[in-house]
C-alpha atoms as a PDB file:
ATOM      1  CA  MET A   1      35.626 -12.865  30.956  1.00  0.00           C
ATOM      2  CA  SER A   2      38.142 -11.784  33.812  1.00  0.00           C
ATOM      3  CA  HIS A   3      41.045 -13.570  32.459  1.00  0.00           C
ATOM      4  CA  LYS A   4      40.195 -12.212  28.847  1.00  0.00           C
ATOM      5  CA  ILE A   5      40.502  -8.602  30.179  1.00  0.00           C
ATOM      6  CA  LYS A   6      43.684  -9.695  32.226  1.00  0.00           C
ATOM      7  CA  THR A   7      45.196 -10.818  29.009  1.00  0.00           C
ATOM      8  CA  ILE A   8      44.209  -7.727  27.080  1.00  0.00           C
ATOM      9  CA  MET A   9      45.528  -5.452  30.013  1.00  0.00           C
ATOM     10  CA  VAL A  10      48.969  -7.362  29.635  1.00  0.00           C
ATOM     11  CA  SER A  11      48.843  -7.117  25.978  1.00  0.00           C
ATOM     12  CA  LEU A  12      48.551  -3.153  26.126  1.00  0.00           C
ATOM     13  CA  GLU A  13      51.019  -2.945  28.727  1.00  0.00           C
ATOM     14  CA  GLU A  14      53.598  -4.872  26.547  1.00  0.00           C
ATOM     15  CA  ALA A  15      52.573  -2.636  23.546  1.00  0.00           C
ATOM     16  CA  PHE A  16      53.441   0.485  25.604  1.00  0.00           C
ATOM     17  CA  ASN A  17      56.618  -0.813  26.939  1.00  0.00           C
ATOM     18  CA  GLU A  18      57.516  -1.505  23.272  1.00  0.00           C
ATOM     19  CA  ALA A  19      56.570   2.054  22.019  1.00  0.00           C
ATOM     20  CA  ASN A  20      58.923   3.532  24.815  1.00  0.00           C
ATOM     21  CA  GLN A  21      61.528   1.309  23.824  1.00  0.00           C
ATOM     22  CA  ILE A  22      61.415   2.758  20.024  1.00  0.00           C
ATOM     23  CA  GLY A  23      61.296   6.410  21.507  1.00  0.00           C
ATOM     24  CA  LEU A  24      57.355   6.864  21.627  1.00  0.00           C
ATOM     25  CA  TRP A  25      55.794   8.121  24.851  1.00  0.00           C
ATOM     26  CA  ALA A  26      52.423   8.935  25.877  1.00  0.00           C
ATOM     27  CA  VAL A  27      51.152  12.427  26.445  1.00  0.00           C
ATOM     28  CA  GLU A  28      48.040  13.155  28.400  1.00  0.00           C
ATOM     29  CA  LEU A  29      45.538  15.255  26.443  1.00  0.00           C
ATOM     30  CA  SER A  30      43.707  18.283  28.178  1.00  0.00           C
ATOM     31  CA  ASN A  31      40.247  17.994  27.308  1.00  0.00           C
ATOM     32  CA  LYS A  32      38.492  21.118  27.583  1.00  0.00           C
ATOM     33  CA  SER A  33      35.094  19.384  28.116  1.00  0.00           C
ATOM     34  CA  SER A  34      35.200  16.628  30.749  1.00  0.00           C
ATOM     35  CA  ASN A  35      31.863  15.003  29.094  1.00  0.00           C
ATOM     36  CA  PRO A  36      33.009  11.544  28.062  1.00  0.00           C
ATOM     37  CA  GLU A  37      30.101  11.327  25.604  1.00  0.00           C
ATOM     38  CA  LYS A  38      31.875  13.834  23.433  1.00  0.00           C
ATOM     39  CA  ILE A  39      34.841  11.644  22.735  1.00  0.00           C
ATOM     40  CA  ARG A  40      34.724  10.429  19.224  1.00  0.00           C
ATOM     41  CA  LEU A  41      35.270   6.614  19.159  1.00  0.00           C
ATOM     42  CA  THR A  42      35.767   5.128  15.874  1.00  0.00           C
ATOM     43  CA  HIS A  43      35.088   1.495  14.502  1.00  0.00           C
ATOM     44  CA  PRO A  44      36.969  -0.474  11.667  1.00  0.00           C
ATOM     45  CA  TYR A  45      34.000  -0.327   9.181  1.00  0.00           C
ATOM     46  CA  VAL A  46      33.076   2.413   6.566  1.00  0.00           C
ATOM     47  CA  ASP A  47      30.708   2.469   3.747  1.00  0.00           C
ATOM     48  CA  ASN A  48      32.761   2.263   0.316  1.00  0.00           C
ATOM     49  CA  SER A  49      30.082   3.673  -1.669  1.00  0.00           C
ATOM     50  CA  LYS A  50      30.829   7.378   0.042  1.00  0.00           C
ATOM     51  CA  ILE A  51      34.689   6.944  -0.677  1.00  0.00           C
ATOM     52  CA  VAL A  52      36.110   8.208  -3.875  1.00  0.00           C
ATOM     53  CA  GLY A  53      39.820   8.954  -4.864  1.00  0.00           C
ATOM     54  CA  ARG A  54      41.481   6.853  -2.199  1.00  0.00           C
ATOM     55  CA  ASP A  55      42.528   3.644  -4.399  1.00  0.00           C
ATOM     56  CA  ASP A  56      46.346   4.842  -4.653  1.00  0.00           C
ATOM     57  CA  ASP A  57      46.571   5.522  -0.907  1.00  0.00           C
ATOM     58  CA  ILE A  58      44.812   2.070  -0.088  1.00  0.00           C
ATOM     59  CA  SER A  59      47.212   0.443  -2.610  1.00  0.00           C
ATOM     60  CA  SER A  60      50.127   1.824  -1.119  1.00  0.00           C
ATOM     61  CA  VAL A  61      49.103   1.025   2.686  1.00  0.00           C
ATOM     62  CA  LYS A  62      48.238  -2.560   1.553  1.00  0.00           C
ATOM     63  CA  ARG A  63      51.684  -2.901  -0.116  1.00  0.00           C
ATOM     64  CA  MET A  64      53.329  -2.019   2.887  1.00  0.00           C
ATOM     65  CA  LEU A  65      51.644  -4.168   4.984  1.00  0.00           C
ATOM     66  CA  SER A  66      51.981  -7.418   3.086  1.00  0.00           C
ATOM     67  CA  SER A  67      55.407  -6.627   2.009  1.00  0.00           C
ATOM     68  CA  SER A  68      56.924  -8.964   4.735  1.00  0.00           C
ATOM     69  CA  ASP A  69      56.323 -12.796   4.495  1.00  0.00           C
ATOM     70  CA  ASN A  70      57.305 -13.142   8.008  1.00  0.00           C
ATOM     71  CA  LYS A  71      54.242 -13.366  10.056  1.00  0.00           C
ATOM     72  CA  THR A  72      56.330 -12.604  13.302  1.00  0.00           C
ATOM     73  CA  ASP A  73      57.538  -9.342  11.847  1.00  0.00           C
ATOM     74  CA  LEU A  74      54.379  -7.307  12.040  1.00  0.00           C
ATOM     75  CA  PRO A  75      54.706  -3.707  10.205  1.00  0.00           C
ATOM     76  CA  VAL A  76      53.419  -0.482  11.872  1.00  0.00           C
ATOM     77  CA  ILE A  77      52.383   2.103   9.522  1.00  0.00           C
ATOM     78  CA  GLY A  78      51.801   5.697  10.775  1.00  0.00           C
ATOM     79  CA  ILE A  79      49.012   7.528   9.060  1.00  0.00           C
ATOM     80  CA  VAL A  80      49.521  11.148   9.818  1.00  0.00           C
ATOM     81  CA  GLY A  81      47.836  14.679   8.747  1.00  0.00           C
ATOM     82  CA  MET A  82      45.832  17.357   9.772  1.00  0.00           C
ATOM     83  CA  GLY A  83      42.045  16.460  11.202  1.00  0.00           C
ATOM     84  CA  GLY A  84      39.392  15.733   8.738  1.00  0.00           C
ATOM     85  CA  GLN A  85      41.656  14.531   5.824  1.00  0.00           C
ATOM     86  CA  GLY A  86      40.604  10.933   5.968  1.00  0.00           C
ATOM     87  CA  LYS A  87      43.193   9.405   8.119  1.00  0.00           C
ATOM     88  CA  THR A  88      40.681   7.049  10.198  1.00  0.00           C
ATOM     89  CA  THR A  89      38.669   6.360   6.714  1.00  0.00           C
ATOM     90  CA  LEU A  90      41.975   5.089   5.111  1.00  0.00           C
ATOM     91  CA  ALA A  91      42.775   3.084   8.081  1.00  0.00           C
ATOM     92  CA  GLN A  92      39.042   1.695   7.885  1.00  0.00           C
ATOM     93  CA  LEU A  93      39.301   0.952   4.301  1.00  0.00           C
ATOM     94  CA  VAL A  94      42.648  -1.157   4.485  1.00  0.00           C
ATOM     95  CA  TYR A  95      41.308  -2.764   7.519  1.00  0.00           C
ATOM     96  CA  LYS A  96      38.529  -4.462   5.842  1.00  0.00           C
ATOM     97  CA  ASP A  97      40.102  -4.988   2.554  1.00  0.00           C
ATOM     98  CA  ASP A  98      39.911  -8.905   1.348  1.00  0.00           C
ATOM     99  CA  THR A  99      43.642  -8.998   0.781  1.00  0.00           C
ATOM    100  CA  VAL A 100      44.593  -7.593   4.252  1.00  0.00           C
ATOM    101  CA  VAL A 101      41.998 -10.055   5.812  1.00  0.00           C
ATOM    102  CA  ARG A 102      43.545 -12.908   3.971  1.00  0.00           C
ATOM    103  CA  HIS A 103      46.992 -11.698   4.782  1.00  0.00           C
ATOM    104  CA  PHE A 104      46.824 -11.816   8.565  1.00  0.00           C
ATOM    105  CA  ASP A 105      45.637 -14.458  10.635  1.00  0.00           C
ATOM    106  CA  GLU A 106      44.092 -12.081  13.488  1.00  0.00           C
ATOM    107  CA  ARG A 107      43.436  -8.383  13.131  1.00  0.00           C
ATOM    108  CA  ILE A 108      42.413  -5.830  15.796  1.00  0.00           C
ATOM    109  CA  TRP A 109      40.836  -2.295  15.693  1.00  0.00           C
ATOM    110  CA  VAL A 110      42.496  -0.289  18.547  1.00  0.00           C
ATOM    111  CA  VAL A 111      41.525   3.363  19.379  1.00  0.00           C
ATOM    112  CA  PHE A 112      44.424   5.292  21.093  1.00  0.00           C
ATOM    113  CA  MET A 113      42.970   7.932  23.737  1.00  0.00           C
ATOM    114  CA  MET A 114      46.549   9.542  23.869  1.00  0.00           C
ATOM    115  CA  ILE A 115      49.081  11.295  21.701  1.00  0.00           C
ATOM    116  CA  LEU A 116      52.195   9.537  21.033  1.00  0.00           C
ATOM    117  CA  LYS A 117      55.326  11.876  20.226  1.00  0.00           C
ATOM    118  CA  TRP A 118      59.137  11.181  19.677  1.00  0.00           C
ATOM    119  CA  LYS A 119      61.108  11.571  22.844  1.00  0.00           C
ATOM    120  CA  ASP A 120      63.473  14.262  22.760  1.00  0.00           C
ATOM    121  CA  TYR A 121      67.160  13.294  23.453  1.00  0.00           C
END
């Protein structure tokens, strides 16, 4: 178990370094509440029966993800918008889509507890 945690930590450090190389950097959030239970965690699964009107968005993201045949060139797609507009739900729907599952050998759901912004040069 300790080896797995170390491997994950190395992977996260590499991802952080790569983000810095493309001009993204972490900003610490000031949380008014120090209660860790109030932090909203997400998971990659959502009930499809409660979702309407996202078919075009789902298809668009799936097309972008599967447009590269090169398995080493992994696409990065930012889903941005105001809170409550369904960004996480869209990501959840794409994550569990059969086409996406078949296209990628492995998938991982990562929750960022920080904001990444473009560096000002």
